[in-house]
Amino acid sequence: MLLVSQLIVYPIKSLGGIGLQNARVTDRGLEHDRRWMLIDANNRFLSQREHAQLALFSIIILDTGLEVTCRSDGAALLIPFVPQTKQMIDVSIWDDTCPGQIVSNEANEWFSKKAGMDCRLVYMPDDVHRQTDSRYTDADGITSFSDAYPALLIGQASLDDLNSRLAEALPMNRFRPNIVFTGGDPYSEDIMNHISINGADMYGVKLCARCVLTTIDQDTATKGKEPLKTLSQYRRKGAKILFGQNLMMTAGGTISVGDELQVHTTHTEERFIVGPQITEA
């Protein structure tokens, strides 16, 4: 049996994640996931890839909004769920451009000071629909400020297999998944197509290509060579190193840690196959 073991959201893109016991499913991901984002002077998203210090911001969800703590000095900021400005600007995430709402001057000043660079905080209102890549999803698929898709699924067995190959085991937070499950074989998530959790339907659409963010220690913001060095030896397909499955979601319902993950169909296309694979979940 496959069981959900972790649910994680990252309310502000590329900052710390929050482990949850329950999460509401929306068509653009788990509720609150990557609905906020830091941008630079050119309105481009900021990421740990270039700014590892972003790992040092922790977040908790309160009834009134997000509480962000800068772990380097303990300073905290409350970000209300409703932005304090009406200013909308076009922001860019990779090759995409979509509207974002400036949250507040206070947030801009606080993050600029604590991150040590000029930045602003934007929010994605409900009426902003950022499309996913139509090569892999339906044309009406949407996502938040995530890199490309609403959610990421990884099996604990996959991380366990990777860690068996490493000199020092790494935690799951290096890979920033939204849903982690136990049971099954390593990399069984690769070929999952239609799955459901507590009646919420989800669809695997593309294996996740991994980048240098996975080499950043989320507790210290220091960089290393792993896990990419080891993953490249057995999880490379063409120029990409693959670990985890990107998901689309159908809005509705709540999922919880301990729920059963049911696999209804699996992929057979070559692009989902990386080395020897199981045929049943």
Protein backbone atom coordinates (compact mmCIF):
# COMPACT_ATOMS: atom_id res chain seq x y z
CA MET A 1 0.00 0.00 0.00
CA LEU A 2 1.16 3.51 -0.84
CA LEU A 3 0.57 6.07 1.92
CA VAL A 4 1.10 9.82 2.03
CA SER A 5 3.91 10.48 4.52
CA GLN A 6 4.54 14.19 3.98
CA LEU A 7 2.64 17.19 2.63
CA ILE A 8 4.70 20.33 2.09
CA VAL A 9 3.89 23.78 0.73
CA TYR A 10 6.26 26.61 -0.11
CA PRO A 11 4.11 29.75 0.15
CA ILE A 12 6.87 32.08 -1.05
CA LYS A 13 8.72 30.65 -4.04
CA SER A 14 12.26 29.44 -3.18
CA LEU A 15 11.92 30.14 0.56
CA GLY A 16 11.40 27.57 3.31
CA GLY A 17 8.74 24.89 3.14
CA ILE A 18 6.02 24.06 5.67
CA GLY A 19 5.06 20.51 6.57
CA LEU A 20 1.30 20.06 6.92
CA GLN A 21 -0.98 17.32 8.23
CA ASN A 22 -3.79 18.33 5.85
CA ALA A 23 -3.88 20.33 2.62
CA ARG A 24 -6.70 21.56 0.42
CA VAL A 25 -6.31 20.66 -3.25
CA THR A 26 -6.76 23.40 -5.85
CA ASP A 27 -6.30 23.30 -9.62
CA ARG A 28 -3.04 25.27 -9.32
CA GLY A 29 -1.56 23.18 -6.51
CA LEU A 30 -1.96 22.73 -2.78
CA GLU A 31 -3.52 25.74 -1.07
CA HIS A 32 -1.02 28.59 -0.45
CA ASP A 33 1.75 26.84 -2.41
CA ARG A 34 3.93 29.40 -4.23
CA ARG A 35 1.25 32.08 -4.31
CA TRP A 36 3.89 34.65 -3.30
CA MET A 37 7.25 35.34 -4.97
CA LEU A 38 10.24 37.63 -4.62
CA ILE A 39 11.29 39.52 -7.75
CA ASP A 40 14.28 41.66 -8.69
CA ALA A 41 14.44 45.15 -10.22
CA ASN A 42 13.63 43.64 -13.64
CA ASN A 43 10.50 41.90 -12.29
CA ARG A 44 12.17 38.48 -12.65
CA PHE A 45 11.73 35.79 -10.01
CA LEU A 46 14.45 35.26 -7.42
CA SER A 47 15.64 31.74 -6.67
CA GLN A 48 18.03 29.87 -4.41
CA ARG A 49 19.80 28.85 -7.60
CA GLU A 50 21.47 32.26 -7.66
CA HIS A 51 20.73 33.40 -4.09
CA ALA A 52 21.28 30.53 -1.67
CA GLN A 53 20.54 32.78 1.32
CA LEU A 54 16.82 32.50 0.53
CA ALA A 55 16.95 29.08 2.18
CA LEU A 56 17.39 30.85 5.53
CA PHE A 57 13.85 32.26 5.58
CA SER A 58 11.34 30.11 7.46
CA ILE A 59 7.56 30.47 7.14
CA ILE A 60 4.56 29.47 9.21
CA ILE A 61 0.91 29.89 8.23
CA LEU A 62 -1.25 31.79 10.74
CA ASP A 63 -4.96 32.57 10.65
CA THR A 64 -4.15 36.12 9.51
CA GLY A 65 -1.37 35.45 7.02
CA LEU A 66 2.22 34.26 6.70
CA GLU A 67 4.85 34.81 9.38
CA VAL A 68 8.31 34.88 7.82
CA THR A 69 11.40 34.58 10.01
CA CYS A 70 14.94 35.38 8.91
CA ARG A 71 16.90 32.68 10.71
CA SER A 72 20.19 34.57 10.50
CA ASP A 73 18.97 37.17 13.03
CA GLY A 74 15.56 35.97 14.20
CA ALA A 75 13.67 38.96 12.78
CA ALA A 76 10.07 38.22 11.74
CA LEU A 77 7.50 39.79 9.42
CA LEU A 78 3.75 39.17 9.19
CA ILE A 79 2.39 39.15 5.64
CA PRO A 80 -1.43 39.42 5.58
CA PHE A 81 -3.23 37.14 3.14
CA VAL A 82 -4.70 40.21 1.43
CA PRO A 83 -2.05 42.42 -0.25
CA GLN A 84 -1.90 46.00 1.01
CA THR A 85 -1.54 47.56 -2.45
CA LYS A 86 -3.60 47.38 -5.63
CA GLN A 87 -0.53 47.63 -7.87
CA MET A 88 -0.34 44.92 -10.55
CA ILE A 89 2.82 44.36 -12.60
CA ASP A 90 3.98 41.77 -15.13
CA VAL A 91 6.47 39.34 -13.60
CA SER A 92 8.58 36.64 -15.24
CA ILE A 93 9.24 33.04 -14.25
CA TRP A 94 11.64 31.43 -16.71
CA ASP A 95 10.03 32.02 -20.13
CA ASP A 96 6.58 32.85 -18.71
CA THR A 97 5.13 36.26 -17.97
CA CYS A 98 2.04 36.78 -15.82
CA PRO A 99 0.54 39.46 -13.57
CA GLY A 100 1.55 39.75 -9.93
CA GLN A 101 0.29 42.05 -7.20
CA ILE A 102 2.76 44.06 -5.10
CA VAL A 103 2.14 43.03 -1.48
CA SER A 104 3.37 46.05 0.47
CA ASN A 105 6.19 48.57 0.72
CA GLU A 106 6.96 47.19 4.19
CA ALA A 107 7.52 43.70 2.79
CA ASN A 108 9.72 45.06 -0.02
CA GLU A 109 11.93 46.95 2.43
CA TRP A 110 12.13 44.06 4.91
CA PHE A 111 13.10 41.44 2.35
CA SER A 112 15.59 43.77 0.65
CA LYS A 113 17.33 44.36 3.98
CA LYS A 114 17.28 40.76 5.19
CA ALA A 115 18.21 39.17 1.84
CA GLY A 116 20.89 41.77 1.13
CA MET A 117 19.58 42.70 -2.30
CA ASP A 118 16.92 44.85 -3.89
CA CYS A 119 13.73 42.82 -4.12
CA ARG A 120 9.94 43.06 -3.98
CA LEU A 121 7.24 40.64 -2.90
CA VAL A 122 4.32 39.86 -5.22
CA TYR A 123 1.16 37.78 -4.84
CA MET A 124 -0.87 35.82 -7.41
CA PRO A 125 -4.59 36.67 -7.05
CA ASP A 126 -7.21 34.03 -7.82
CA ASP A 127 -8.17 35.69 -11.10
CA VAL A 128 -4.63 35.35 -12.50
CA HIS A 129 -4.33 32.15 -14.54
CA ARG A 130 -0.79 31.21 -15.50
CA GLN A 131 -0.86 28.39 -18.04
CA THR A 132 1.25 25.27 -17.81
CA ASP A 133 3.23 23.94 -20.78
CA SER A 134 0.62 22.77 -23.30
CA ARG A 135 3.12 20.24 -24.71
CA TYR A 136 2.60 18.15 -21.58
CA THR A 137 -0.74 19.33 -20.18
CA ASP A 138 -4.18 20.39 -21.33
CA ALA A 139 -4.32 23.90 -22.74
CA ASP A 140 -6.42 25.11 -19.81
CA GLY A 141 -4.00 23.82 -17.16
CA ILE A 142 -2.83 26.45 -14.69
CA THR A 143 -0.21 26.74 -11.97
CA SER A 144 0.98 29.22 -9.38
CA PHE A 145 4.46 30.81 -9.27
CA SER A 146 5.95 27.30 -9.32
CA ASP A 147 8.65 26.57 -11.89
CA ALA A 148 6.19 24.92 -14.26
CA TYR A 149 3.55 22.63 -12.74
CA PRO A 150 1.17 22.61 -9.75
CA ALA A 151 2.85 19.93 -7.62
CA LEU A 152 5.77 17.52 -7.27
CA LEU A 153 5.48 13.89 -6.12
CA ILE A 154 8.39 11.81 -4.77
CA GLY A 155 8.44 8.36 -3.16
CA GLN A 156 10.40 7.90 0.06
CA ALA A 157 11.82 4.71 -1.46
CA SER A 158 13.44 6.82 -4.20
CA LEU A 159 15.26 8.99 -1.67
CA ASP A 160 16.23 5.90 0.34
CA ASP A 161 17.74 4.38 -2.79
CA LEU A 162 19.65 7.57 -3.56
CA ASN A 163 20.92 7.82 0.01
CA SER A 164 22.19 4.23 -0.17
CA ARG A 165 24.55 5.47 -2.90
CA LEU A 166 25.76 8.58 -1.04
CA ALA A 167 28.51 8.90 1.55
CA GLU A 168 26.19 11.14 3.59
CA ALA A 169 22.42 10.82 3.51
CA LEU A 170 20.41 13.86 2.40
CA PRO A 171 16.95 14.92 3.62
CA MET A 172 13.89 15.12 1.39
CA ASN A 173 13.84 18.93 1.64
CA ARG A 174 16.67 19.10 -0.92
CA PHE A 175 14.08 18.17 -3.57
CA ARG A 176 11.20 20.41 -2.45
CA PRO A 177 8.32 17.98 -3.11
CA ASN A 178 4.70 18.70 -2.25
CA ILE A 179 3.66 15.08 -1.70
CA VAL A 180 5.85 12.27 -0.37
CA PHE A 181 4.60 8.71 -0.07
CA THR A 182 5.86 5.49 1.47
CA GLY A 183 5.56 2.02 -0.01
CA GLY A 184 6.30 0.75 -3.50
CA ASP A 185 9.64 0.46 -5.23
CA PRO A 186 12.22 3.20 -5.78
CA TYR A 187 11.18 5.55 -8.61
CA SER A 188 7.70 4.00 -8.90
CA GLU A 189 6.40 7.58 -9.17
CA ASP A 190 8.13 7.88 -12.57
CA ILE A 191 5.38 6.03 -14.40
CA MET A 192 2.34 7.08 -12.39
CA ASN A 193 -0.30 8.62 -14.65
CA HIS A 194 -3.74 8.95 -13.02
CA ILE A 195 -3.58 8.78 -9.24
CA SER A 196 -5.97 9.81 -6.50
CA ILE A 197 -5.68 10.64 -2.81
CA ASN A 198 -8.87 10.75 -0.73
CA GLY A 199 -10.89 11.24 -3.92
CA ALA A 200 -8.70 14.07 -5.26
CA ASP A 201 -7.54 13.29 -8.80
CA MET A 202 -4.00 14.02 -9.92
CA TYR A 203 -2.08 13.27 -13.09
CA GLY A 204 1.64 12.73 -13.63
CA VAL A 205 2.67 14.77 -16.66
CA LYS A 206 6.46 15.11 -16.73
CA LEU A 207 9.49 13.85 -14.87
CA CYS A 208 11.19 16.62 -12.90
CA ALA A 209 14.58 17.79 -14.17
CA ARG A 210 16.81 18.69 -11.23
CA CYS A 211 19.15 21.66 -10.86
CA VAL A 212 21.77 23.08 -8.49
CA LEU A 213 19.11 23.97 -5.92
CA THR A 214 19.25 20.33 -4.78
CA THR A 215 22.89 20.88 -3.76
CA ILE A 216 21.99 23.64 -1.24
CA ASP A 217 21.74 22.67 2.42
CA GLN A 218 18.36 24.07 3.48
CA ASP A 219 19.56 24.59 7.06
CA THR A 220 22.81 26.44 6.35
CA ALA A 221 22.49 27.66 2.70
CA THR A 222 25.87 26.10 1.90
CA LYS A 223 26.43 24.42 -1.48
CA GLY A 224 27.98 21.07 -2.33
CA LYS A 225 28.22 18.64 -5.25
CA GLU A 226 25.62 16.14 -4.15
CA PRO A 227 23.13 14.81 -5.00
CA LEU A 228 23.62 15.83 -8.66
CA LYS A 229 27.01 14.12 -8.92
CA THR A 230 25.55 10.75 -7.93
CA LEU A 231 22.17 11.17 -9.65
CA SER A 232 23.95 11.91 -12.92
CA GLN A 233 25.37 8.38 -12.85
CA TYR A 234 22.00 6.62 -13.01
CA ARG A 235 19.16 9.14 -13.38
CA ARG A 236 20.35 11.01 -16.46
CA LYS A 237 18.23 11.09 -19.59
CA GLY A 238 19.82 13.13 -22.36
CA ALA A 239 21.06 16.35 -20.79
CA LYS A 240 18.67 16.18 -17.81
CA ILE A 241 18.91 14.59 -14.38
CA LEU A 242 15.46 13.37 -13.33
CA PHE A 243 14.04 12.85 -9.85
CA GLY A 244 10.32 13.04 -9.02
CA GLN A 245 7.15 13.44 -11.06
CA ASN A 246 5.36 16.72 -11.82
CA LEU A 247 1.60 16.62 -11.22
CA MET A 248 -1.51 18.35 -12.49
CA MET A 249 -4.44 18.49 -10.08
CA THR A 250 -8.22 18.63 -10.19
CA ALA A 251 -9.54 21.09 -7.63
CA GLY A 252 -11.60 19.82 -4.74
CA GLY A 253 -11.16 18.02 -1.46
CA THR A 254 -8.56 17.79 1.25
CA ILE A 255 -5.72 15.30 1.50
CA SER A 256 -3.94 14.26 4.69
CA VAL A 257 -0.82 12.54 5.88
CA GLY A 258 -1.73 8.86 6.19
CA ASP A 259 -4.11 8.84 3.22
CA GLU A 260 -3.74 6.05 0.68
CA LEU A 261 -2.33 7.00 -2.70
CA GLN A 262 -4.13 4.97 -5.35
CA VAL A 263 -2.62 4.42 -8.81
CA HIS A 264 -5.29 4.02 -11.50
CA THR A 265 -3.16 4.10 -14.66
CA THR A 266 0.54 4.18 -15.50
CA HIS A 267 2.58 5.67 -18.33
CA THR A 268 4.17 3.56 -21.03
CA GLU A 269 5.73 6.34 -23.12
CA GLU A 270 9.50 6.22 -23.43
CA ARG A 271 9.94 9.69 -21.93
CA PHE A 272 8.81 8.37 -18.55
CA ILE A 273 11.28 5.50 -18.50
CA VAL A 274 14.65 6.03 -16.80
CA GLY A 275 16.49 2.72 -16.48
CA PRO A 276 14.73 -0.42 -15.18
CA GLN A 277 11.18 0.33 -14.06
CA ILE A 278 8.39 -1.49 -12.31
CA THR A 279 5.18 -2.10 -14.22
CA GLU A 280 2.82 -2.06 -11.25
CA ALA A 281 2.61 0.36 -8.31
